[in-house]
Amino acid sequence: MKIDKYMKRNVISIQSDRAVADAVAIFIKHPIGTLPVIDDKTRLVGILHLGDIVHMAMPDSFDLVGDLDFLHDLGAIEKGFPSLEEMKKPVIEIMSEPISAEIDFTLFHAAALLDKHHIPDLPVVDHQGR
């Protein structure tokens, strides 16, 4: 079974030159934990995790939190924010290298990547990385 039959098609992403403040707004508005970072040609260039933002806002308590999914329910992400200086940085400065599946990967291959890298989401790209 190919992943393209099961993947989400309405993906929320952010341009690499956008500010961290824009990413925070997206995480607050949408119940997502992973935000693909794209270039001006919609190629995947990085990944921004909700944990990256939480770590900026609450670095001392971050290590105590293993699962960040509950933060939206508790409203915790709305209470702590990164500093103004951090909020102005482009997301390209804090994003992680992308791990992705190509459109013709099987579900088994995608599941293996999720397990190997201990990630909750896996962007799917075409052969040009879009």
N, C-alpha and C. Protein backbone atom coordinates (compact mmCIF):
# COMPACT_ATOMS: atom_id res chain seq x y z
N MET A 1 0.84 -1.18 0.00
CA MET A 1 0.00 0.00 0.00
C MET A 1 0.89 1.25 0.00
N LYS A 2 0.58 2.14 -0.89
CA LYS A 2 1.36 3.37 -1.01
C LYS A 2 0.82 4.45 -0.07
N ILE A 3 1.73 5.26 0.43
CA ILE A 3 1.38 6.29 1.41
C ILE A 3 0.47 7.37 0.83
N ASP A 4 0.54 7.59 -0.48
CA ASP A 4 -0.25 8.67 -1.07
C ASP A 4 -1.76 8.47 -0.94
N LYS A 5 -2.20 7.27 -0.70
CA LYS A 5 -3.64 7.02 -0.53
C LYS A 5 -4.12 7.34 0.89
N TYR A 6 -3.20 7.51 1.83
CA TYR A 6 -3.56 7.68 3.24
C TYR A 6 -3.08 8.99 3.85
N MET A 7 -2.28 9.73 3.15
CA MET A 7 -1.69 10.94 3.71
C MET A 7 -2.71 12.08 3.78
N LYS A 8 -2.44 13.04 4.66
CA LYS A 8 -3.24 14.25 4.73
C LYS A 8 -2.94 15.09 3.50
N ARG A 9 -3.95 15.73 2.97
CA ARG A 9 -3.74 16.57 1.79
C ARG A 9 -3.77 18.06 2.14
N ASN A 10 -4.44 18.42 3.22
CA ASN A 10 -4.53 19.82 3.64
C ASN A 10 -3.47 20.06 4.71
N VAL A 11 -2.25 20.33 4.29
CA VAL A 11 -1.12 20.46 5.20
C VAL A 11 -0.85 21.93 5.49
N ILE A 12 -0.69 22.24 6.75
CA ILE A 12 -0.33 23.58 7.17
C ILE A 12 1.18 23.65 7.22
N SER A 13 1.75 24.67 6.58
CA SER A 13 3.21 24.82 6.55
C SER A 13 3.55 26.29 6.75
N ILE A 14 4.85 26.55 6.83
CA ILE A 14 5.32 27.93 7.00
C ILE A 14 6.54 28.13 6.11
N GLN A 15 6.67 29.33 5.54
CA GLN A 15 7.83 29.68 4.72
C GLN A 15 9.05 29.85 5.63
N SER A 16 10.21 29.49 5.13
CA SER A 16 11.43 29.50 5.92
C SER A 16 11.85 30.90 6.39
N ASP A 17 11.42 31.93 5.69
CA ASP A 17 11.80 33.29 6.07
C ASP A 17 10.81 33.96 7.02
N ARG A 18 9.74 33.26 7.38
CA ARG A 18 8.75 33.83 8.31
C ARG A 18 9.31 33.83 9.73
N ALA A 19 8.79 34.70 10.54
CA ALA A 19 9.26 34.86 11.91
C ALA A 19 8.71 33.76 12.82
N VAL A 20 9.45 33.49 13.89
CA VAL A 20 8.99 32.53 14.90
C VAL A 20 7.62 32.94 15.41
N ALA A 21 7.34 34.23 15.51
CA ALA A 21 6.03 34.71 15.96
C ALA A 21 4.91 34.16 15.07
N ASP A 22 5.17 34.06 13.77
CA ASP A 22 4.18 33.49 12.85
C ASP A 22 3.96 32.01 13.13
N ALA A 23 5.03 31.31 13.44
CA ALA A 23 4.91 29.89 13.77
C ALA A 23 4.12 29.71 15.07
N VAL A 24 4.38 30.54 16.06
CA VAL A 24 3.64 30.48 17.32
C VAL A 24 2.16 30.67 17.05
N ALA A 25 1.82 31.63 16.23
CA ALA A 25 0.41 31.89 15.90
C ALA A 25 -0.23 30.67 15.23
N ILE A 26 0.50 30.01 14.38
CA ILE A 26 -0.02 28.80 13.71
C ILE A 26 -0.24 27.69 14.73
N PHE A 27 0.72 27.47 15.62
CA PHE A 27 0.57 26.43 16.63
C PHE A 27 -0.60 26.71 17.56
N ILE A 28 -0.85 27.97 17.88
CA ILE A 28 -1.97 28.32 18.75
C ILE A 28 -3.30 28.10 18.02
N LYS A 29 -3.35 28.47 16.75
CA LYS A 29 -4.59 28.38 15.99
C LYS A 29 -4.96 26.95 15.61
N HIS A 30 -3.97 26.13 15.32
CA HIS A 30 -4.23 24.78 14.81
C HIS A 30 -3.71 23.73 15.80
N PRO A 31 -4.45 22.66 16.00
CA PRO A 31 -4.00 21.60 16.91
C PRO A 31 -2.98 20.67 16.24
N ILE A 32 -1.81 21.22 15.97
CA ILE A 32 -0.75 20.44 15.31
C ILE A 32 0.49 20.44 16.20
N GLY A 33 1.34 19.46 15.99
CA GLY A 33 2.57 19.38 16.75
C GLY A 33 3.81 19.52 15.88
N THR A 34 3.61 19.46 14.56
CA THR A 34 4.71 19.53 13.62
C THR A 34 4.34 20.49 12.50
N LEU A 35 5.27 21.38 12.17
CA LEU A 35 5.02 22.38 11.14
C LEU A 35 6.11 22.27 10.08
N PRO A 36 5.77 21.78 8.88
CA PRO A 36 6.76 21.73 7.81
C PRO A 36 7.20 23.14 7.42
N VAL A 37 8.50 23.31 7.19
CA VAL A 37 9.07 24.58 6.76
C VAL A 37 9.43 24.42 5.28
N ILE A 38 8.93 25.35 4.45
CA ILE A 38 9.12 25.25 3.01
C ILE A 38 9.84 26.48 2.47
N ASP A 39 10.46 26.31 1.29
CA ASP A 39 11.09 27.45 0.63
C ASP A 39 10.09 28.09 -0.33
N ASP A 40 10.54 29.04 -1.13
CA ASP A 40 9.63 29.76 -2.04
C ASP A 40 9.13 28.90 -3.20
N LYS A 41 9.68 27.70 -3.36
CA LYS A 41 9.22 26.77 -4.40
C LYS A 41 8.45 25.60 -3.78
N THR A 42 8.02 25.77 -2.55
CA THR A 42 7.28 24.79 -1.74
C THR A 42 8.04 23.48 -1.48
N ARG A 43 9.36 23.53 -1.56
CA ARG A 43 10.17 22.36 -1.21
C ARG A 43 10.36 22.32 0.30
N LEU A 44 10.28 21.14 0.85
CA LEU A 44 10.48 20.96 2.29
C LEU A 44 11.96 21.19 2.63
N VAL A 45 12.20 22.16 3.52
CA VAL A 45 13.58 22.47 3.89
C VAL A 45 13.84 22.25 5.38
N GLY A 46 12.78 22.03 6.15
CA GLY A 46 12.95 21.83 7.58
C GLY A 46 11.65 21.48 8.26
N ILE A 47 11.76 21.24 9.55
CA ILE A 47 10.60 20.91 10.38
C ILE A 47 10.70 21.74 11.65
N LEU A 48 9.58 22.26 12.07
CA LEU A 48 9.50 22.96 13.34
C LEU A 48 8.50 22.20 14.20
N HIS A 49 8.93 21.82 15.39
CA HIS A 49 8.07 21.08 16.30
C HIS A 49 7.52 22.01 17.37
N LEU A 50 6.34 21.70 17.85
CA LEU A 50 5.75 22.46 18.95
C LEU A 50 6.73 22.50 20.12
N GLY A 51 7.43 21.41 20.34
CA GLY A 51 8.41 21.35 21.42
C GLY A 51 9.52 22.38 21.28
N ASP A 52 9.88 22.74 20.05
CA ASP A 52 10.90 23.77 19.83
C ASP A 52 10.43 25.11 20.39
N ILE A 53 9.16 25.41 20.17
CA ILE A 53 8.58 26.66 20.65
C ILE A 53 8.41 26.62 22.17
N VAL A 54 7.91 25.50 22.67
CA VAL A 54 7.71 25.35 24.12
C VAL A 54 9.05 25.49 24.83
N HIS A 55 10.09 24.91 24.27
CA HIS A 55 11.41 24.99 24.89
C HIS A 55 11.89 26.44 24.97
N MET A 56 11.57 27.24 23.95
CA MET A 56 11.95 28.66 23.96
C MET A 56 11.17 29.42 25.04
N ALA A 57 9.91 29.03 25.24
CA ALA A 57 9.05 29.75 26.19
C ALA A 57 9.23 29.28 27.63
N MET A 58 9.50 27.99 27.80
CA MET A 58 9.59 27.41 29.15
C MET A 58 10.76 26.46 29.24
N PRO A 59 11.98 26.90 29.04
CA PRO A 59 13.12 25.98 28.98
C PRO A 59 13.36 25.19 30.26
N ASP A 60 13.07 25.75 31.42
CA ASP A 60 13.34 25.04 32.67
C ASP A 60 12.40 23.87 32.88
N SER A 61 11.15 24.03 32.47
CA SER A 61 10.18 22.96 32.71
C SER A 61 10.03 22.03 31.53
N PHE A 62 10.64 22.36 30.40
CA PHE A 62 10.46 21.56 29.20
C PHE A 62 10.88 20.12 29.39
N ASP A 63 11.98 19.88 30.06
CA ASP A 63 12.48 18.53 30.22
C ASP A 63 11.55 17.65 31.04
N LEU A 64 10.68 18.24 31.80
CA LEU A 64 9.71 17.47 32.59
C LEU A 64 8.53 17.00 31.76
N VAL A 65 8.35 17.59 30.58
CA VAL A 65 7.21 17.31 29.74
C VAL A 65 7.63 16.33 28.65
N GLY A 66 7.06 15.13 28.68
CA GLY A 66 7.39 14.14 27.68
C GLY A 66 6.47 14.18 26.48
N ASP A 67 5.20 14.47 26.72
CA ASP A 67 4.20 14.46 25.66
C ASP A 67 3.55 15.84 25.59
N LEU A 68 3.71 16.53 24.48
CA LEU A 68 3.25 17.91 24.37
C LEU A 68 1.82 18.04 23.85
N ASP A 69 1.18 16.92 23.48
CA ASP A 69 -0.16 17.00 22.90
C ASP A 69 -1.16 17.66 23.83
N PHE A 70 -0.99 17.51 25.12
CA PHE A 70 -1.96 18.05 26.07
C PHE A 70 -1.86 19.57 26.23
N LEU A 71 -0.81 20.20 25.75
CA LEU A 71 -0.62 21.64 25.96
C LEU A 71 -1.75 22.48 25.37
N HIS A 72 -2.27 22.07 24.22
CA HIS A 72 -3.37 22.82 23.62
C HIS A 72 -4.60 22.74 24.52
N ASP A 73 -4.89 21.55 25.05
CA ASP A 73 -6.06 21.38 25.91
C ASP A 73 -5.96 22.20 27.19
N LEU A 74 -4.79 22.30 27.74
CA LEU A 74 -4.60 23.05 28.98
C LEU A 74 -4.43 24.55 28.75
N GLY A 75 -4.18 24.93 27.51
CA GLY A 75 -3.95 26.34 27.22
C GLY A 75 -2.55 26.79 27.59
N ALA A 76 -1.66 25.85 27.88
CA ALA A 76 -0.32 26.20 28.33
C ALA A 76 0.47 26.93 27.26
N ILE A 77 0.23 26.59 26.00
CA ILE A 77 1.00 27.23 24.94
C ILE A 77 0.62 28.70 24.81
N GLU A 78 -0.55 29.05 25.30
CA GLU A 78 -0.99 30.44 25.20
C GLU A 78 -0.43 31.30 26.33
N LYS A 79 0.09 30.70 27.38
CA LYS A 79 0.55 31.45 28.55
C LYS A 79 2.02 31.81 28.50
N GLY A 80 2.85 30.95 27.91
CA GLY A 80 4.28 31.22 27.85
C GLY A 80 4.69 31.51 26.42
N PHE A 81 5.51 32.53 26.24
CA PHE A 81 5.97 32.88 24.90
C PHE A 81 7.47 33.08 24.92
N PRO A 82 8.12 32.82 23.77
CA PRO A 82 9.54 33.15 23.65
C PRO A 82 9.74 34.66 23.82
N SER A 83 10.98 35.06 24.04
CA SER A 83 11.28 36.49 24.17
C SER A 83 11.01 37.20 22.85
N LEU A 84 10.89 38.52 22.91
CA LEU A 84 10.65 39.32 21.71
C LEU A 84 11.75 39.11 20.68
N GLU A 85 12.98 39.02 21.15
CA GLU A 85 14.11 38.79 20.25
C GLU A 85 13.98 37.44 19.53
N GLU A 86 13.59 36.41 20.28
CA GLU A 86 13.42 35.08 19.68
C GLU A 86 12.24 35.06 18.71
N MET A 87 11.19 35.81 19.04
CA MET A 87 9.99 35.84 18.19
C MET A 87 10.26 36.47 16.83
N LYS A 88 11.27 37.32 16.74
CA LYS A 88 11.60 37.99 15.48
C LYS A 88 12.49 37.16 14.57
N LYS A 89 13.14 36.13 15.12
CA LYS A 89 14.03 35.29 14.32
C LYS A 89 13.24 34.60 13.21
N PRO A 90 13.88 34.37 12.06
CA PRO A 90 13.22 33.55 11.04
C PRO A 90 13.22 32.08 11.49
N VAL A 91 12.18 31.36 11.12
CA VAL A 91 12.08 29.96 11.56
C VAL A 91 13.23 29.11 11.06
N ILE A 92 13.87 29.53 9.98
CA ILE A 92 15.00 28.76 9.45
C ILE A 92 16.13 28.65 10.48
N GLU A 93 16.20 29.59 11.43
CA GLU A 93 17.24 29.56 12.45
C GLU A 93 16.97 28.56 13.56
N ILE A 94 15.74 28.12 13.72
CA ILE A 94 15.44 27.19 14.81
C ILE A 94 14.88 25.86 14.34
N MET A 95 14.64 25.71 13.05
CA MET A 95 14.03 24.49 12.53
C MET A 95 15.03 23.32 12.59
N SER A 96 14.47 22.11 12.49
CA SER A 96 15.27 20.90 12.43
C SER A 96 15.37 20.44 10.98
N GLU A 97 16.35 19.60 10.71
CA GLU A 97 16.46 19.00 9.38
C GLU A 97 15.21 18.15 9.13
N PRO A 98 14.68 18.18 7.91
CA PRO A 98 13.46 17.42 7.65
C PRO A 98 13.70 15.93 7.49
N ILE A 99 12.81 15.18 8.01
CA ILE A 99 12.73 13.74 7.74
C ILE A 99 11.40 13.59 7.03
N SER A 100 11.41 12.99 5.85
CA SER A 100 10.18 12.91 5.06
C SER A 100 10.11 11.59 4.32
N ALA A 101 8.92 11.32 3.81
CA ALA A 101 8.68 10.16 2.96
C ALA A 101 8.39 10.67 1.56
N GLU A 102 8.81 9.91 0.56
CA GLU A 102 8.45 10.27 -0.81
C GLU A 102 7.09 9.68 -1.14
N ILE A 103 6.42 10.30 -2.07
CA ILE A 103 5.04 10.00 -2.42
C ILE A 103 4.80 8.52 -2.75
N ASP A 104 5.83 7.82 -3.25
CA ASP A 104 5.64 6.42 -3.62
C ASP A 104 6.13 5.44 -2.56
N PHE A 105 6.44 5.94 -1.35
CA PHE A 105 6.82 5.03 -0.27
C PHE A 105 5.62 4.19 0.15
N THR A 106 5.89 3.03 0.68
CA THR A 106 4.82 2.20 1.23
C THR A 106 4.50 2.65 2.65
N LEU A 107 3.35 2.26 3.15
CA LEU A 107 3.00 2.56 4.54
C LEU A 107 4.02 1.94 5.49
N PHE A 108 4.50 0.76 5.17
CA PHE A 108 5.50 0.09 6.02
C PHE A 108 6.78 0.92 6.09
N HIS A 109 7.24 1.44 4.96
CA HIS A 109 8.45 2.26 4.93
C HIS A 109 8.24 3.53 5.76
N ALA A 110 7.08 4.17 5.61
CA ALA A 110 6.78 5.38 6.38
C ALA A 110 6.73 5.07 7.88
N ALA A 111 6.10 3.97 8.23
CA ALA A 111 6.02 3.57 9.65
C ALA A 111 7.41 3.31 10.21
N ALA A 112 8.28 2.71 9.41
CA ALA A 112 9.65 2.45 9.86
C ALA A 112 10.40 3.76 10.13
N LEU A 113 10.19 4.77 9.28
CA LEU A 113 10.83 6.08 9.50
C LEU A 113 10.31 6.74 10.77
N LEU A 114 8.99 6.68 10.98
CA LEU A 114 8.41 7.25 12.20
C LEU A 114 9.01 6.60 13.44
N ASP A 115 9.13 5.28 13.40
CA ASP A 115 9.67 4.55 14.55
C ASP A 115 11.17 4.81 14.73
N LYS A 116 11.92 4.76 13.66
CA LYS A 116 13.37 4.94 13.73
C LYS A 116 13.75 6.31 14.31
N HIS A 117 13.02 7.35 13.88
CA HIS A 117 13.36 8.71 14.29
C HIS A 117 12.54 9.22 15.48
N HIS A 118 11.64 8.37 15.98
CA HIS A 118 10.81 8.73 17.14
C HIS A 118 10.07 10.05 16.91
N ILE A 119 9.40 10.14 15.77
CA ILE A 119 8.66 11.35 15.42
C ILE A 119 7.17 11.02 15.27
N PRO A 120 6.30 11.99 15.59
CA PRO A 120 4.86 11.72 15.51
C PRO A 120 4.26 11.97 14.13
N ASP A 121 4.94 12.76 13.31
CA ASP A 121 4.43 13.13 11.99
C ASP A 121 5.52 12.98 10.95
N LEU A 122 5.10 12.70 9.72
CA LEU A 122 6.06 12.49 8.64
C LEU A 122 5.56 13.19 7.38
N PRO A 123 6.17 14.31 7.02
CA PRO A 123 5.76 14.97 5.78
C PRO A 123 6.01 14.06 4.58
N VAL A 124 5.11 14.15 3.60
CA VAL A 124 5.23 13.38 2.37
C VAL A 124 5.54 14.38 1.26
N VAL A 125 6.58 14.09 0.49
CA VAL A 125 7.01 15.00 -0.58
C VAL A 125 7.03 14.26 -1.92
N ASP A 126 6.95 15.05 -3.00
CA ASP A 126 7.10 14.45 -4.33
C ASP A 126 8.60 14.28 -4.61
N HIS A 127 8.92 13.85 -5.81
CA HIS A 127 10.33 13.58 -6.14
C HIS A 127 11.18 14.84 -6.26
N GLN A 128 10.55 16.01 -6.25
CA GLN A 128 11.29 17.28 -6.25
C GLN A 128 11.36 17.86 -4.85
N GLY A 129 10.88 17.13 -3.84
CA GLY A 129 10.94 17.60 -2.46
C GLY A 129 9.84 18.58 -2.08
N ARG A 130 8.78 18.66 -2.88
CA ARG A 130 7.66 19.55 -2.58
C ARG A 130 6.54 18.81 -1.90
